[in-house]
Amino acid sequence: MTSLGKAHMKTVGAFQAKTQLSQLLDRVEKGETVTIRQLIDEGRRY
């Protein structure tokens, strides 16, 4: 917790979450909020 009483928040991409899942779960267990986002390459066309 910060001195203001708010928990830390972290945003990670899906690949980072996949490769660092254990570390991210440890952070969540300590009260941190972790958001996992799917990053989309806007320059890519399908």
N, C-alpha and C. Protein backbone atom coordinates (compact mmCIF):
# COMPACT_ATOMS: atom_id res chain seq x y z
N MET A 1 0.84 -1.18 0.00
CA MET A 1 0.00 0.00 0.00
C MET A 1 0.88 1.25 0.00
N THR A 2 0.41 2.26 -0.64
CA THR A 2 1.13 3.52 -0.65
C THR A 2 0.79 4.29 0.62
N SER A 3 1.47 5.41 0.80
CA SER A 3 1.20 6.22 1.98
C SER A 3 -0.22 6.79 1.96
N LEU A 4 -0.84 6.83 0.78
CA LEU A 4 -2.21 7.33 0.68
C LEU A 4 -3.24 6.23 0.93
N GLY A 5 -2.77 5.00 1.14
CA GLY A 5 -3.69 3.90 1.43
C GLY A 5 -4.24 3.22 0.21
N LYS A 6 -3.73 3.54 -0.97
CA LYS A 6 -4.20 2.92 -2.20
C LYS A 6 -3.24 1.81 -2.61
N ALA A 7 -3.79 0.72 -3.11
CA ALA A 7 -2.96 -0.39 -3.57
C ALA A 7 -2.33 -0.03 -4.91
N HIS A 8 -1.17 -0.62 -5.17
CA HIS A 8 -0.51 -0.43 -6.46
C HIS A 8 -1.29 -1.14 -7.55
N MET A 9 -1.18 -0.63 -8.77
CA MET A 9 -1.86 -1.25 -9.89
C MET A 9 -0.87 -1.41 -11.03
N LYS A 10 -0.89 -2.56 -11.67
CA LYS A 10 0.02 -2.84 -12.77
C LYS A 10 -0.78 -3.35 -13.95
N THR A 11 -0.41 -2.89 -15.14
CA THR A 11 -1.03 -3.37 -16.37
C THR A 11 0.05 -4.06 -17.20
N VAL A 12 -0.24 -5.27 -17.65
CA VAL A 12 0.71 -6.03 -18.46
C VAL A 12 0.01 -6.57 -19.70
N GLY A 13 0.80 -6.86 -20.71
CA GLY A 13 0.27 -7.48 -21.91
C GLY A 13 0.12 -8.98 -21.70
N ALA A 14 -0.62 -9.62 -22.59
CA ALA A 14 -0.89 -11.05 -22.46
C ALA A 14 0.39 -11.88 -22.51
N PHE A 15 1.34 -11.53 -23.38
CA PHE A 15 2.58 -12.29 -23.47
C PHE A 15 3.37 -12.19 -22.18
N GLN A 16 3.49 -10.99 -21.63
CA GLN A 16 4.20 -10.80 -20.36
C GLN A 16 3.52 -11.57 -19.24
N ALA A 17 2.19 -11.56 -19.22
CA ALA A 17 1.46 -12.30 -18.19
C ALA A 17 1.74 -13.80 -18.31
N LYS A 18 1.82 -14.28 -19.54
CA LYS A 18 2.09 -15.70 -19.76
C LYS A 18 3.48 -16.08 -19.26
N THR A 19 4.46 -15.24 -19.54
CA THR A 19 5.84 -15.56 -19.17
C THR A 19 6.16 -15.27 -17.70
N GLN A 20 5.36 -14.44 -17.05
CA GLN A 20 5.65 -14.04 -15.66
C GLN A 20 4.46 -14.32 -14.73
N LEU A 21 3.69 -15.36 -15.04
CA LEU A 21 2.46 -15.62 -14.29
C LEU A 21 2.71 -15.81 -12.79
N SER A 22 3.71 -16.58 -12.43
CA SER A 22 3.99 -16.83 -11.00
C SER A 22 4.28 -15.54 -10.25
N GLN A 23 5.10 -14.67 -10.85
CA GLN A 23 5.43 -13.40 -10.19
C GLN A 23 4.20 -12.51 -10.07
N LEU A 24 3.37 -12.50 -11.11
CA LEU A 24 2.16 -11.68 -11.06
C LEU A 24 1.19 -12.18 -10.00
N LEU A 25 1.06 -13.51 -9.87
CA LEU A 25 0.19 -14.06 -8.84
C LEU A 25 0.70 -13.72 -7.44
N ASP A 26 2.01 -13.72 -7.26
CA ASP A 26 2.57 -13.31 -5.97
C ASP A 26 2.18 -11.86 -5.65
N ARG A 27 2.23 -11.01 -6.64
CA ARG A 27 1.87 -9.60 -6.43
C ARG A 27 0.39 -9.46 -6.07
N VAL A 28 -0.46 -10.24 -6.74
CA VAL A 28 -1.89 -10.20 -6.45
C VAL A 28 -2.15 -10.68 -5.03
N GLU A 29 -1.46 -11.72 -4.61
CA GLU A 29 -1.62 -12.23 -3.24
C GLU A 29 -1.25 -11.18 -2.20
N LYS A 30 -0.35 -10.25 -2.56
CA LYS A 30 0.07 -9.19 -1.64
C LYS A 30 -0.86 -7.98 -1.70
N GLY A 31 -1.91 -8.07 -2.54
CA GLY A 31 -2.90 -7.00 -2.58
C GLY A 31 -2.82 -6.08 -3.79
N GLU A 32 -1.86 -6.31 -4.67
CA GLU A 32 -1.74 -5.45 -5.85
C GLU A 32 -2.77 -5.86 -6.90
N THR A 33 -3.26 -4.89 -7.64
CA THR A 33 -4.18 -5.16 -8.74
C THR A 33 -3.37 -5.31 -10.02
N VAL A 34 -3.59 -6.39 -10.74
CA VAL A 34 -2.90 -6.62 -12.02
C VAL A 34 -3.95 -6.75 -13.10
N THR A 35 -3.83 -5.93 -14.13
CA THR A 35 -4.73 -5.98 -15.28
C THR A 35 -3.96 -6.56 -16.46
N ILE A 36 -4.55 -7.55 -17.12
CA ILE A 36 -3.93 -8.17 -18.28
C ILE A 36 -4.67 -7.69 -19.52
N ARG A 37 -3.92 -7.10 -20.45
CA ARG A 37 -4.53 -6.57 -21.67
C ARG A 37 -4.00 -7.31 -22.88
N GLN A 38 -4.84 -7.49 -23.85
CA GLN A 38 -4.41 -8.02 -25.13
C GLN A 38 -4.04 -6.83 -25.98
N LEU A 39 -2.76 -6.69 -26.27
CA LEU A 39 -2.29 -5.54 -27.05
C LEU A 39 -2.49 -5.85 -28.53
N ILE A 40 -3.12 -4.93 -29.23
CA ILE A 40 -3.43 -5.11 -30.64
C ILE A 40 -2.59 -4.13 -31.46
N ASP A 41 -1.93 -4.66 -32.46
CA ASP A 41 -1.14 -3.83 -33.37
C ASP A 41 -2.11 -3.15 -34.34
N GLU A 42 -2.33 -1.84 -34.15
CA GLU A 42 -3.30 -1.13 -34.96
C GLU A 42 -2.86 -0.98 -36.41
N GLY A 43 -1.58 -1.14 -36.69
CA GLY A 43 -1.08 -1.01 -38.04
C GLY A 43 -1.30 -2.27 -38.87
N ARG A 44 -1.71 -3.33 -38.26
CA ARG A 44 -1.91 -4.60 -38.94
C ARG A 44 -3.30 -4.67 -39.57
N ARG A 45 -3.39 -5.19 -40.78
CA ARG A 45 -4.68 -5.34 -41.45
C ARG A 45 -4.95 -6.82 -41.66
N TYR A 46 -6.21 -7.20 -41.49
CA TYR A 46 -6.61 -8.60 -41.68
C TYR A 46 -7.60 -8.72 -42.79
